[in-house]
Amino acid sequence: MFNAQEIRDEIVDYIIASDIASSDWYVGIASDPLTRLFTDHNVDKEAFWIYKDAGSEECARAIGEFIINKYKTKGQSSVEDSAKGYETAQYVYAYAITGTTKQPAKDKRTVSRRGK
C-alpha cells in the first residue's frame, strides 16, 4: 500500500496532467468510490477521474483536506457516506467537473473541456 504522501502526489499529478484548472475538480472521500463517482456524481467513465485507497478514513480525510485547501478544488473531506450506513470512507476520489456531473449545490461548477 502507498503512504499518504504518495497517494496525495498521485492524485495531484493526475489533476495537473489533465490541463484542467484544479478549481474545476471535485475531491471527496468514500467507502465505495465507484458508486460515488458514477452513480452519485454522474461522472462519465471516459472523463477524468481517479480514486485511491488511503487505508483509513483519517488518512483519506487528511489527503482530501490537503488537496482541497492547497489546490483550491471543490469538494468535501467529510464522510458523505455516513447517511448510507457505511462505517468508513477510506478512499479518496477526484473528478473533473463537467456539465453532467453532480456536486452539492454549494460546489457546483462546470468546465467545457473533458476527455481522457
PDB file of N, CA and C in Angstrom:
ATOM      1  N   MET A   1       0.844  -1.179   0.000  1.00  0.00           N
ATOM      2  CA  MET A   1       0.000   0.000   0.000  1.00  0.00           C
ATOM      3  C   MET A   1       0.893   1.248   0.000  1.00  0.00           C
ATOM      4  N   PHE A   2       0.429   2.279  -0.661  1.00  0.00           N
ATOM      5  CA  PHE A   2       1.156   3.537  -0.728  1.00  0.00           C
ATOM      6  C   PHE A   2       0.946   4.330   0.553  1.00  0.00           C
ATOM      7  N   ASN A   3       1.884   5.230   0.848  1.00  0.00           N
ATOM      8  CA  ASN A   3       1.687   6.084   2.008  1.00  0.00           C
ATOM      9  C   ASN A   3       0.886   7.325   1.592  1.00  0.00           C
ATOM     10  N   ALA A   4       0.475   8.111   2.562  1.00  0.00           N
ATOM     11  CA  ALA A   4      -0.409   9.259   2.307  1.00  0.00           C
ATOM     12  C   ALA A   4       0.206  10.241   1.322  1.00  0.00           C
ATOM     13  N   GLN A   5       1.481  10.522   1.455  1.00  0.00           N
ATOM     14  CA  GLN A   5       2.119  11.484   0.551  1.00  0.00           C
ATOM     15  C   GLN A   5       2.134  10.963  -0.886  1.00  0.00           C
ATOM     16  N   GLU A   6       2.391   9.671  -1.071  1.00  0.00           N
ATOM     17  CA  GLU A   6       2.387   9.089  -2.413  1.00  0.00           C
ATOM     18  C   GLU A   6       0.995   9.147  -3.034  1.00  0.00           C
ATOM     19  N   ILE A   7      -0.017   8.857  -2.234  1.00  0.00           N
ATOM     20  CA  ILE A   7      -1.398   8.913  -2.717  1.00  0.00           C
ATOM     21  C   ILE A   7      -1.754  10.344  -3.089  1.00  0.00           C
ATOM     22  N   ARG A   8      -1.451  11.263  -2.200  1.00  0.00           N
ATOM     23  CA  ARG A   8      -1.726  12.684  -2.453  1.00  0.00           C
ATOM     24  C   ARG A   8      -1.029  13.146  -3.727  1.00  0.00           C
ATOM     25  N   ASP A   9       0.257  12.812  -3.861  1.00  0.00           N
ATOM     26  CA  ASP A   9       1.022  13.227  -5.034  1.00  0.00           C
ATOM     27  C   ASP A   9       0.464  12.629  -6.322  1.00  0.00           C
ATOM     28  N   GLU A  10       0.039  11.377  -6.272  1.00  0.00           N
ATOM     29  CA  GLU A  10      -0.506  10.741  -7.471  1.00  0.00           C
ATOM     30  C   GLU A  10      -1.798  11.427  -7.919  1.00  0.00           C
ATOM     31  N   ILE A  11      -2.657  11.755  -6.969  1.00  0.00           N
ATOM     32  CA  ILE A  11      -3.905  12.444  -7.316  1.00  0.00           C
ATOM     33  C   ILE A  11      -3.604  13.842  -7.855  1.00  0.00           C
ATOM     34  N   VAL A  12      -2.742  14.580  -7.181  1.00  0.00           N
ATOM     35  CA  VAL A  12      -2.381  15.935  -7.624  1.00  0.00           C
ATOM     36  C   VAL A  12      -1.719  15.886  -9.000  1.00  0.00           C
ATOM     37  N   ASP A  13      -0.810  14.955  -9.233  1.00  0.00           N
ATOM     38  CA  ASP A  13      -0.164  14.824 -10.541  1.00  0.00           C
ATOM     39  C   ASP A  13      -1.193  14.551 -11.638  1.00  0.00           C
ATOM     40  N   TYR A  14      -2.184  13.732 -11.339  1.00  0.00           N
ATOM     41  CA  TYR A  14      -3.240  13.416 -12.307  1.00  0.00           C
ATOM     42  C   TYR A  14      -4.045  14.675 -12.638  1.00  0.00           C
ATOM     43  N   ILE A  15      -4.392  15.435 -11.615  1.00  0.00           N
ATOM     44  CA  ILE A  15      -5.136  16.677 -11.821  1.00  0.00           C
ATOM     45  C   ILE A  15      -4.323  17.635 -12.692  1.00  0.00           C
ATOM     46  N   ILE A  16      -3.066  17.814 -12.371  1.00  0.00           N
ATOM     47  CA  ILE A  16      -2.204  18.733 -13.124  1.00  0.00           C
ATOM     48  C   ILE A  16      -2.042  18.256 -14.568  1.00  0.00           C
ATOM     49  N   ALA A  17      -1.844  16.964 -14.775  1.00  0.00           N
ATOM     50  CA  ALA A  17      -1.652  16.420 -16.120  1.00  0.00           C
ATOM     51  C   ALA A  17      -2.889  16.581 -17.002  1.00  0.00           C
ATOM     52  N   SER A  18      -4.051  16.744 -16.400  1.00  0.00           N
ATOM     53  CA  SER A  18      -5.286  16.871 -17.180  1.00  0.00           C
ATOM     54  C   SER A  18      -5.383  18.194 -17.935  1.00  0.00           C
ATOM     55  N   ASP A  19      -4.596  19.191 -17.527  1.00  0.00           N
ATOM     56  CA  ASP A  19      -4.671  20.548 -18.090  1.00  0.00           C
ATOM     57  C   ASP A  19      -6.015  21.223 -17.817  1.00  0.00           C
ATOM     58  N   ILE A  20      -6.722  20.738 -16.818  1.00  0.00           N
ATOM     59  CA  ILE A  20      -7.962  21.361 -16.355  1.00  0.00           C
ATOM     60  C   ILE A  20      -7.630  22.043 -15.034  1.00  0.00           C
ATOM     61  N   ALA A  21      -8.059  23.282 -14.880  1.00  0.00           N
ATOM     62  CA  ALA A  21      -7.754  24.031 -13.656  1.00  0.00           C
ATOM     63  C   ALA A  21      -8.175  23.228 -12.427  1.00  0.00           C
ATOM     64  N   SER A  22      -7.344  23.245 -11.408  1.00  0.00           N
ATOM     65  CA  SER A  22      -7.670  22.491 -10.192  1.00  0.00           C
ATOM     66  C   SER A  22      -8.980  22.969  -9.569  1.00  0.00           C
ATOM     67  N   SER A  23      -9.343  24.225  -9.790  1.00  0.00           N
ATOM     68  CA  SER A  23     -10.610  24.736  -9.259  1.00  0.00           C
ATOM     69  C   SER A  23     -11.821  24.114  -9.958  1.00  0.00           C
ATOM     70  N   ASP A  24     -11.593  23.403 -11.050  1.00  0.00           N
ATOM     71  CA  ASP A  24     -12.658  22.720 -11.777  1.00  0.00           C
ATOM     72  C   ASP A  24     -12.643  21.217 -11.515  1.00  0.00           C
ATOM     73  N   TRP A  25     -12.102  20.838 -10.366  1.00  0.00           N
ATOM     74  CA  TRP A  25     -12.080  19.448  -9.922  1.00  0.00           C
ATOM     75  C   TRP A  25     -12.844  19.343  -8.611  1.00  0.00           C
ATOM     76  N   TYR A  26     -13.381  18.166  -8.359  1.00  0.00           N
ATOM     77  CA  TYR A  26     -14.069  17.860  -7.109  1.00  0.00           C
ATOM     78  C   TYR A  26     -13.312  16.727  -6.432  1.00  0.00           C
ATOM     79  N   VAL A  27     -13.055  16.858  -5.139  1.00  0.00           N
ATOM     80  CA  VAL A  27     -12.358  15.839  -4.355  1.00  0.00           C
ATOM     81  C   VAL A  27     -13.252  15.425  -3.196  1.00  0.00           C
ATOM     82  N   GLY A  28     -13.336  14.127  -2.956  1.00  0.00           N
ATOM     83  CA  GLY A  28     -14.136  13.636  -1.844  1.00  0.00           C
ATOM     84  C   GLY A  28     -13.563  12.351  -1.286  1.00  0.00           C
ATOM     85  N   ILE A  29     -14.198  11.844  -0.244  1.00  0.00           N
ATOM     86  CA  ILE A  29     -13.827  10.553   0.329  1.00  0.00           C
ATOM     87  C   ILE A  29     -15.068   9.674   0.357  1.00  0.00           C
ATOM     88  N   ALA A  30     -14.849   8.376   0.278  1.00  0.00           N
ATOM     89  CA  ALA A  30     -15.980   7.447   0.220  1.00  0.00           C
ATOM     90  C   ALA A  30     -15.543   6.052   0.631  1.00  0.00           C
ATOM     91  N   SER A  31     -16.503   5.254   1.017  1.00  0.00           N
ATOM     92  CA  SER A  31     -16.223   3.845   1.267  1.00  0.00           C
ATOM     93  C   SER A  31     -16.432   3.030  -0.008  1.00  0.00           C
ATOM     94  N   ASP A  32     -17.212   3.559  -0.932  1.00  0.00           N
ATOM     95  CA  ASP A  32     -17.467   2.909  -2.216  1.00  0.00           C
ATOM     96  C   ASP A  32     -17.254   3.960  -3.310  1.00  0.00           C
ATOM     97  N   PRO A  33     -16.012   4.169  -3.727  1.00  0.00           N
ATOM     98  CA  PRO A  33     -15.723   5.261  -4.647  1.00  0.00           C
ATOM     99  C   PRO A  33     -16.381   5.122  -6.017  1.00  0.00           C
ATOM    100  N   LEU A  34     -16.555   3.911  -6.496  1.00  0.00           N
ATOM    101  CA  LEU A  34     -17.169   3.745  -7.813  1.00  0.00           C
ATOM    102  C   LEU A  34     -18.635   4.172  -7.810  1.00  0.00           C
ATOM    103  N   THR A  35     -19.349   3.847  -6.745  1.00  0.00           N
ATOM    104  CA  THR A  35     -20.736   4.302  -6.625  1.00  0.00           C
ATOM    105  C   THR A  35     -20.787   5.810  -6.484  1.00  0.00           C
ATOM    106  N   ARG A  36     -19.897   6.368  -5.671  1.00  0.00           N
ATOM    107  CA  ARG A  36     -19.867   7.838  -5.510  1.00  0.00           C
ATOM    108  C   ARG A  36     -19.597   8.512  -6.847  1.00  0.00           C
ATOM    109  N   LEU A  37     -18.601   8.014  -7.581  1.00  0.00           N
ATOM    110  CA  LEU A  37     -18.236   8.633  -8.851  1.00  0.00           C
ATOM    111  C   LEU A  37     -19.331   8.491  -9.906  1.00  0.00           C
ATOM    112  N   PHE A  38     -19.724   7.274 -10.193  1.00  0.00           N
ATOM    113  CA  PHE A  38     -20.558   7.018 -11.362  1.00  0.00           C
ATOM    114  C   PHE A  38     -22.060   7.087 -11.122  1.00  0.00           C
ATOM    115  N   THR A  39     -22.495   6.864  -9.892  1.00  0.00           N
ATOM    116  CA  THR A  39     -23.922   6.951  -9.590  1.00  0.00           C
ATOM    117  C   THR A  39     -24.262   8.280  -8.931  1.00  0.00           C
ATOM    118  N   ASP A  40     -23.612   8.574  -7.820  1.00  0.00           N
ATOM    119  CA  ASP A  40     -23.953   9.779  -7.065  1.00  0.00           C
ATOM    120  C   ASP A  40     -23.519  11.063  -7.771  1.00  0.00           C
ATOM    121  N   HIS A  41     -22.311  11.072  -8.354  1.00  0.00           N
ATOM    122  CA  HIS A  41     -21.806  12.288  -9.010  1.00  0.00           C
ATOM    123  C   HIS A  41     -22.006  12.272 -10.527  1.00  0.00           C
ATOM    124  N   ASN A  42     -22.477  11.168 -11.074  1.00  0.00           N
ATOM    125  CA  ASN A  42     -22.770  11.050 -12.503  1.00  0.00           C
ATOM    126  C   ASN A  42     -21.547  11.347 -13.386  1.00  0.00           C
ATOM    127  N   VAL A  43     -20.391  10.867 -12.976  1.00  0.00           N
ATOM    128  CA  VAL A  43     -19.165  11.065 -13.743  1.00  0.00           C
ATOM    129  C   VAL A  43     -19.173  10.124 -14.946  1.00  0.00           C
ATOM    130  N   ASP A  44     -18.808  10.642 -16.100  1.00  0.00           N
ATOM    131  CA  ASP A  44     -18.677   9.848 -17.315  1.00  0.00           C
ATOM    132  C   ASP A  44     -17.425   8.985 -17.178  1.00  0.00           C
ATOM    133  N   LYS A  45     -17.540   7.706 -17.454  1.00  0.00           N
ATOM    134  CA  LYS A  45     -16.395   6.802 -17.299  1.00  0.00           C
ATOM    135  C   LYS A  45     -15.256   7.137 -18.257  1.00  0.00           C
ATOM    136  N   GLU A  46     -15.520   7.905 -19.296  1.00  0.00           N
ATOM    137  CA  GLU A  46     -14.491   8.313 -20.249  1.00  0.00           C
ATOM    138  C   GLU A  46     -13.862   9.657 -19.886  1.00  0.00           C
ATOM    139  N   ALA A  47     -14.334  10.288 -18.834  1.00  0.00           N
ATOM    140  CA  ALA A  47     -13.826  11.601 -18.416  1.00  0.00           C
ATOM    141  C   ALA A  47     -12.630  11.422 -17.479  1.00  0.00           C
ATOM    142  N   PHE A  48     -12.155  12.520 -16.932  1.00  0.00           N
ATOM    143  CA  PHE A  48     -11.041  12.482 -15.979  1.00  0.00           C
ATOM    144  C   PHE A  48     -11.557  12.166 -14.580  1.00  0.00           C
ATOM    145  N   TRP A  49     -11.071  11.078 -13.988  1.00  0.00           N
ATOM    146  CA  TRP A  49     -11.413  10.704 -12.621  1.00  0.00           C
ATOM    147  C   TRP A  49     -10.321   9.774 -12.084  1.00  0.00           C
ATOM    148  N   ILE A  50     -10.226   9.733 -10.767  1.00  0.00           N
ATOM    149  CA  ILE A  50      -9.229   8.890 -10.115  1.00  0.00           C
ATOM    150  C   ILE A  50      -9.705   8.596  -8.695  1.00  0.00           C
ATOM    151  N   TYR A  51      -9.323   7.444  -8.171  1.00  0.00           N
ATOM    152  CA  TYR A  51      -9.535   7.181  -6.746  1.00  0.00           C
ATOM    153  C   TYR A  51      -8.396   6.312  -6.230  1.00  0.00           C
ATOM    154  N   LYS A  52      -8.144   6.447  -4.926  1.00  0.00           N
ATOM    155  CA  LYS A  52      -7.067   5.702  -4.274  1.00  0.00           C
ATOM    156  C   LYS A  52      -7.511   5.261  -2.888  1.00  0.00           C
ATOM    157  N   ASP A  53      -7.053   4.087  -2.484  1.00  0.00           N
ATOM    158  CA  ASP A  53      -7.317   3.557  -1.152  1.00  0.00           C
ATOM    159  C   ASP A  53      -6.280   4.134  -0.193  1.00  0.00           C
ATOM    160  N   ALA A  54      -6.729   4.944   0.748  1.00  0.00           N
ATOM    161  CA  ALA A  54      -5.830   5.572   1.717  1.00  0.00           C
ATOM    162  C   ALA A  54      -5.607   4.699   2.951  1.00  0.00           C
ATOM    163  N   GLY A  55      -6.337   3.615   3.070  1.00  0.00           N
ATOM    164  CA  GLY A  55      -6.131   2.696   4.184  1.00  0.00           C
ATOM    165  C   GLY A  55      -6.983   2.974   5.408  1.00  0.00           C
ATOM    166  N   SER A  56      -7.377   4.234   5.591  1.00  0.00           N
ATOM    167  CA  SER A  56      -8.215   4.578   6.737  1.00  0.00           C
ATOM    168  C   SER A  56      -8.983   5.859   6.424  1.00  0.00           C
ATOM    169  N   GLU A  57     -10.063   6.049   7.145  1.00  0.00           N
ATOM    170  CA  GLU A  57     -10.856   7.264   6.987  1.00  0.00           C
ATOM    171  C   GLU A  57     -10.043   8.493   7.388  1.00  0.00           C
ATOM    172  N   GLU A  58      -9.286   8.380   8.451  1.00  0.00           N
ATOM    173  CA  GLU A  58      -8.474   9.507   8.927  1.00  0.00           C
ATOM    174  C   GLU A  58      -7.476   9.949   7.857  1.00  0.00           C
ATOM    175  N   CYS A  59      -6.811   8.994   7.242  1.00  0.00           N
ATOM    176  CA  CYS A  59      -5.833   9.303   6.201  1.00  0.00           C
ATOM    177  C   CYS A  59      -6.532   9.875   4.965  1.00  0.00           C
ATOM    178  N   ALA A  60      -7.645   9.277   4.562  1.00  0.00           N
ATOM    179  CA  ALA A  60      -8.393   9.775   3.408  1.00  0.00           C
ATOM    180  C   ALA A  60      -8.842  11.217   3.640  1.00  0.00           C
ATOM    181  N   ARG A  61      -9.341  11.493   4.833  1.00  0.00           N
ATOM    182  CA  ARG A  61      -9.792  12.849   5.168  1.00  0.00           C
ATOM    183  C   ARG A  61      -8.626  13.838   5.097  1.00  0.00           C
ATOM    184  N   ALA A  62      -7.478  13.457   5.634  1.00  0.00           N
ATOM    185  CA  ALA A  62      -6.310  14.348   5.620  1.00  0.00           C
ATOM    186  C   ALA A  62      -5.851  14.633   4.187  1.00  0.00           C
ATOM    187  N   ILE A  63      -5.825  13.618   3.355  1.00  0.00           N
ATOM    188  CA  ILE A  63      -5.431  13.808   1.955  1.00  0.00           C
ATOM    189  C   ILE A  63      -6.437  14.709   1.246  1.00  0.00           C
ATOM    190  N   GLY A  64      -7.723  14.421   1.433  1.00  0.00           N
ATOM    191  CA  GLY A  64      -8.762  15.241   0.801  1.00  0.00           C
ATOM    192  C   GLY A  64      -8.682  16.687   1.229  1.00  0.00           C
ATOM    193  N   GLU A  65      -8.555  16.933   2.527  1.00  0.00           N
ATOM    194  CA  GLU A  65      -8.463  18.307   3.033  1.00  0.00           C
ATOM    195  C   GLU A  65      -7.242  19.024   2.470  1.00  0.00           C
ATOM    196  N   PHE A  66      -6.121  18.320   2.394  1.00  0.00           N
ATOM    197  CA  PHE A  66      -4.905  18.931   1.860  1.00  0.00           C
ATOM    198  C   PHE A  66      -5.115  19.380   0.414  1.00  0.00           C
ATOM    199  N   ILE A  67      -5.645  18.488  -0.421  1.00  0.00           N
ATOM    200  CA  ILE A  67      -5.835  18.827  -1.839  1.00  0.00           C
ATOM    201  C   ILE A  67      -6.851  19.949  -1.997  1.00  0.00           C
ATOM    202  N   ILE A  68      -7.956  19.874  -1.276  1.00  0.00           N
ATOM    203  CA  ILE A  68      -8.990  20.911  -1.364  1.00  0.00           C
ATOM    204  C   ILE A  68      -8.428  22.268  -0.957  1.00  0.00           C
ATOM    205  N   ASN A  69      -7.701  22.310   0.133  1.00  0.00           N
ATOM    206  CA  ASN A  69      -7.181  23.582   0.643  1.00  0.00           C
ATOM    207  C   ASN A  69      -6.002  24.121  -0.156  1.00  0.00           C
ATOM    208  N   LYS A  70      -5.059  23.277  -0.490  1.00  0.00           N
ATOM    209  CA  LYS A  70      -3.850  23.752  -1.189  1.00  0.00           C
ATOM    210  C   LYS A  70      -4.104  24.036  -2.662  1.00  0.00           C
ATOM    211  N   TYR A  71      -4.894  23.196  -3.320  1.00  0.00           N
ATOM    212  CA  TYR A  71      -5.093  23.329  -4.763  1.00  0.00           C
ATOM    213  C   TYR A  71      -6.435  23.962  -5.115  1.00  0.00           C
ATOM    214  N   LYS A  72      -7.211  24.321  -4.113  1.00  0.00           N
ATOM    215  CA  LYS A  72      -8.484  25.044  -4.294  1.00  0.00           C
ATOM    216  C   LYS A  72      -9.476  24.290  -5.173  1.00  0.00           C
ATOM    217  N   THR A  73      -9.510  22.966  -4.991  1.00  0.00           N
ATOM    218  CA  THR A  73     -10.518  22.177  -5.679  1.00  0.00           C
ATOM    219  C   THR A  73     -11.847  22.354  -4.952  1.00  0.00           C
ATOM    220  N   LYS A  74     -12.910  21.924  -5.572  1.00  0.00           N
ATOM    221  CA  LYS A  74     -14.191  21.819  -4.900  1.00  0.00           C
ATOM    222  C   LYS A  74     -14.157  20.503  -4.129  1.00  0.00           C
ATOM    223  N   GLY A  75     -15.066  20.332  -3.195  1.00  0.00           N
ATOM    224  CA  GLY A  75     -15.158  19.035  -2.564  1.00  0.00           C
ATOM    225  C   GLY A  75     -15.451  19.053  -1.091  1.00  0.00           C
ATOM    226  N   GLN A  76     -15.519  17.836  -0.563  1.00  0.00           N
ATOM    227  CA  GLN A  76     -15.775  17.618   0.853  1.00  0.00           C
ATOM    228  C   GLN A  76     -14.883  16.483   1.328  1.00  0.00           C
ATOM    229  N   SER A  77     -14.252  16.695   2.457  1.00  0.00           N
ATOM    230  CA  SER A  77     -13.462  15.613   3.030  1.00  0.00           C
ATOM    231  C   SER A  77     -14.157  15.026   4.250  1.00  0.00           C
ATOM    232  N   SER A  78     -15.447  15.322   4.373  1.00  0.00           N
ATOM    233  CA  SER A  78     -16.239  14.697   5.435  1.00  0.00           C
ATOM    234  C   SER A  78     -16.808  13.397   4.904  1.00  0.00           C
ATOM    235  N   VAL A  79     -17.356  12.613   5.772  1.00  0.00           N
ATOM    236  CA  VAL A  79     -17.877  11.310   5.368  1.00  0.00           C
ATOM    237  C   VAL A  79     -19.267  11.477   4.788  1.00  0.00           C
ATOM    238  N   GLU A  80     -19.337  11.575   3.478  1.00  0.00           N
ATOM    239  CA  GLU A  80     -20.625  11.714   2.795  1.00  0.00           C
ATOM    240  C   GLU A  80     -21.421  10.416   2.828  1.00  0.00           C
ATOM    241  N   ASP A  81     -20.740   9.293   3.048  1.00  0.00           N
ATOM    242  CA  ASP A  81     -21.399   8.004   3.017  1.00  0.00           C
ATOM    243  C   ASP A  81     -22.094   7.638   4.323  1.00  0.00           C
ATOM    244  N   SER A  82     -21.885   8.403   5.387  1.00  0.00           N
ATOM    245  CA  SER A  82     -22.415   8.003   6.687  1.00  0.00           C
ATOM    246  C   SER A  82     -23.933   7.834   6.667  1.00  0.00           C
ATOM    247  N   ALA A  83     -24.625   8.629   5.889  1.00  0.00           N
ATOM    248  CA  ALA A  83     -26.081   8.516   5.811  1.00  0.00           C
ATOM    249  C   ALA A  83     -26.501   7.228   5.126  1.00  0.00           C
ATOM    250  N   LYS A  84     -25.609   6.628   4.374  1.00  0.00           N
ATOM    251  CA  LYS A  84     -25.922   5.386   3.674  1.00  0.00           C
ATOM    252  C   LYS A  84     -25.566   4.162   4.507  1.00  0.00           C
ATOM    253  N   GLY A  85     -25.076   4.375   5.715  1.00  0.00           N
ATOM    254  CA  GLY A  85     -24.776   3.267   6.605  1.00  0.00           C
ATOM    255  C   GLY A  85     -23.383   2.695   6.474  1.00  0.00           C
ATOM    256  N   TYR A  86     -22.508   3.316   5.726  1.00  0.00           N
ATOM    257  CA  TYR A  86     -21.146   2.827   5.615  1.00  0.00           C
ATOM    258  C   TYR A  86     -20.375   3.194   6.863  1.00  0.00           C
ATOM    259  N   GLU A  87     -19.492   2.311   7.295  1.00  0.00           N
ATOM    260  CA  GLU A  87     -18.737   2.553   8.515  1.00  0.00           C
ATOM    261  C   GLU A  87     -17.523   3.442   8.291  1.00  0.00           C
ATOM    262  N   THR A  88     -16.809   3.233   7.213  1.00  0.00           N
ATOM    263  CA  THR A  88     -15.603   4.005   6.974  1.00  0.00           C
ATOM    264  C   THR A  88     -15.559   4.496   5.536  1.00  0.00           C
ATOM    265  N   ALA A  89     -14.831   5.549   5.329  1.00  0.00           N
ATOM    266  CA  ALA A  89     -14.650   6.114   3.995  1.00  0.00           C
ATOM    267  C   ALA A  89     -13.151   6.235   3.771  1.00  0.00           C
ATOM    268  N   GLN A  90     -12.521   5.142   3.396  1.00  0.00           N
ATOM    269  CA  GLN A  90     -11.065   5.109   3.309  1.00  0.00           C
ATOM    270  C   GLN A  90     -10.526   5.436   1.928  1.00  0.00           C
ATOM    271  N   TYR A  91     -11.381   5.741   0.967  1.00  0.00           N
ATOM    272  CA  TYR A  91     -10.941   6.078  -0.383  1.00  0.00           C
ATOM    273  C   TYR A  91     -11.016   7.582  -0.614  1.00  0.00           C
ATOM    274  N   VAL A  92     -10.034   8.103  -1.334  1.00  0.00           N
ATOM    275  CA  VAL A  92     -10.048   9.487  -1.788  1.00  0.00           C
ATOM    276  C   VAL A  92     -10.330   9.432  -3.283  1.00  0.00           C
ATOM    277  N   TYR A  93     -11.259  10.258  -3.759  1.00  0.00           N
ATOM    278  CA  TYR A  93     -11.540  10.275  -5.188  1.00  0.00           C
ATOM    279  C   TYR A  93     -11.541  11.717  -5.691  1.00  0.00           C
ATOM    280  N   ALA A  94     -11.334  11.856  -6.983  1.00  0.00           N
ATOM    281  CA  ALA A  94     -11.349  13.175  -7.612  1.00  0.00           C
ATOM    282  C   ALA A  94     -11.863  13.026  -9.031  1.00  0.00           C
ATOM    283  N   TYR A  95     -12.552  14.049  -9.501  1.00  0.00           N
ATOM    284  CA  TYR A  95     -13.007  14.042 -10.889  1.00  0.00           C
ATOM    285  C   TYR A  95     -13.110  15.476 -11.402  1.00  0.00           C
ATOM    286  N   ALA A  96     -12.963  15.608 -12.715  1.00  0.00           N
ATOM    287  CA  ALA A  96     -13.139  16.911 -13.360  1.00  0.00           C
ATOM    288  C   ALA A  96     -14.628  17.202 -13.445  1.00  0.00           C
ATOM    289  N   ILE A  97     -15.000  18.381 -13.011  1.00  0.00           N
ATOM    290  CA  ILE A  97     -16.402  18.789 -13.034  1.00  0.00           C
ATOM    291  C   ILE A  97     -16.792  19.127 -14.472  1.00  0.00           C
ATOM    292  N   THR A  98     -17.916  18.591 -14.905  1.00  0.00           N
ATOM    293  CA  THR A  98     -18.425  18.848 -16.255  1.00  0.00           C
ATOM    294  C   THR A  98     -19.887  19.276 -16.162  1.00  0.00           C
ATOM    295  N   GLY A  99     -20.493  19.503 -17.298  1.00  0.00           N
ATOM    296  CA  GLY A  99     -21.899  19.877 -17.343  1.00  0.00           C
ATOM    297  C   GLY A  99     -22.844  18.772 -16.913  1.00  0.00           C
ATOM    298  N   THR A 100     -22.357  17.540 -16.846  1.00  0.00           N
ATOM    299  CA  THR A 100     -23.226  16.428 -16.465  1.00  0.00           C
ATOM    300  C   THR A 100     -22.953  15.878 -15.071  1.00  0.00           C
ATOM    301  N   THR A 101     -21.867  16.314 -14.436  1.00  0.00           N
ATOM    302  CA  THR A 101     -21.588  15.800 -13.097  1.00  0.00           C
ATOM    303  C   THR A 101     -22.462  16.492 -12.068  1.00  0.00           C
ATOM    304  N   LYS A 102     -22.644  15.817 -10.944  1.00  0.00           N
ATOM    305  CA  LYS A 102     -23.478  16.335  -9.857  1.00  0.00           C
ATOM    306  C   LYS A 102     -22.614  16.558  -8.626  1.00  0.00           C
ATOM    307  N   GLN A 103     -22.626  17.785  -8.142  1.00  0.00           N
ATOM    308  CA  GLN A 103     -21.936  18.155  -6.922  1.00  0.00           C
ATOM    309  C   GLN A 103     -22.981  18.741  -5.974  1.00  0.00           C
ATOM    310  N   PRO A 104     -22.669  18.790  -4.683  1.00  0.00           N
ATOM    311  CA  PRO A 104     -23.560  19.522  -3.784  1.00  0.00           C
ATOM    312  C   PRO A 104     -23.724  20.948  -4.317  1.00  0.00           C
ATOM    313  N   ALA A 105     -24.877  21.543  -4.140  1.00  0.00           N
ATOM    314  CA  ALA A 105     -25.198  22.849  -4.724  1.00  0.00           C
ATOM    315  C   ALA A 105     -24.128  23.898  -4.472  1.00  0.00           C
ATOM    316  N   LYS A 106     -23.548  23.932  -3.286  1.00  0.00           N
ATOM    317  CA  LYS A 106     -22.545  24.950  -2.980  1.00  0.00           C
ATOM    318  C   LYS A 106     -21.254  24.748  -3.746  1.00  0.00           C
ATOM    319  N   ASP A 107     -21.036  23.562  -4.326  1.00  0.00           N
ATOM    320  CA  ASP A 107     -19.805  23.266  -5.044  1.00  0.00           C
ATOM    321  C   ASP A 107     -20.007  23.156  -6.551  1.00  0.00           C
ATOM    322  N   LYS A 108     -21.184  23.475  -7.063  1.00  0.00           N
ATOM    323  CA  LYS A 108     -21.481  23.246  -8.468  1.00  0.00           C
ATOM    324  C   LYS A 108     -20.770  24.240  -9.378  1.00  0.00           C
ATOM    325  N   ARG A 109     -19.985  23.717 -10.307  1.00  0.00           N
ATOM    326  CA  ARG A 109     -19.336  24.485 -11.378  1.00  0.00           C
ATOM    327  C   ARG A 109     -19.150  23.558 -12.555  1.00  0.00           C
ATOM    328  N   THR A 110     -19.036  24.107 -13.714  1.00  0.00           N
ATOM    329  CA  THR A 110     -18.819  23.274 -14.890  1.00  0.00           C
ATOM    330  C   THR A 110     -17.617  23.786 -15.675  1.00  0.00           C
ATOM    331  N   VAL A 111     -17.033  22.896 -16.436  1.00  0.00           N
ATOM    332  CA  VAL A 111     -15.965  23.261 -17.340  1.00  0.00           C
ATOM    333  C   VAL A 111     -16.329  22.728 -18.721  1.00  0.00           C
ATOM    334  N   SER A 112     -15.787  23.335 -19.734  1.00  0.00           N
ATOM    335  CA  SER A 112     -16.147  22.944 -21.082  1.00  0.00           C
ATOM    336  C   SER A 112     -15.291  21.797 -21.623  1.00  0.00           C
ATOM    337  N   ARG A 113     -14.076  21.626 -21.099  1.00  0.00           N
ATOM    338  CA  ARG A 113     -13.179  20.621 -21.636  1.00  0.00           C
ATOM    339  C   ARG A 113     -13.222  19.358 -20.792  1.00  0.00           C
ATOM    340  N   ARG A 114     -13.412  18.248 -21.446  1.00  0.00           N
ATOM    341  CA  ARG A 114     -13.256  16.985 -20.769  1.00  0.00           C
ATOM    342  C   ARG A 114     -12.773  15.954 -21.749  1.00  0.00           C
ATOM    343  N   GLY A 115     -12.322  14.889 -21.271  1.00  0.00           N
ATOM    344  CA  GLY A 115     -11.784  13.841 -22.135  1.00  0.00           C
ATOM    345  C   GLY A 115     -10.855  12.950 -21.362  1.00  0.00           C
ATOM    346  N   LYS A 116     -10.265  12.044 -22.049  1.00  0.00           N
ATOM    347  CA  LYS A 116      -9.401  11.093 -21.378  1.00  0.00           C
ATOM    348  C   LYS A 116      -7.975  11.290 -21.773  1.00  0.00           C
TER     349      LYS A 116
END
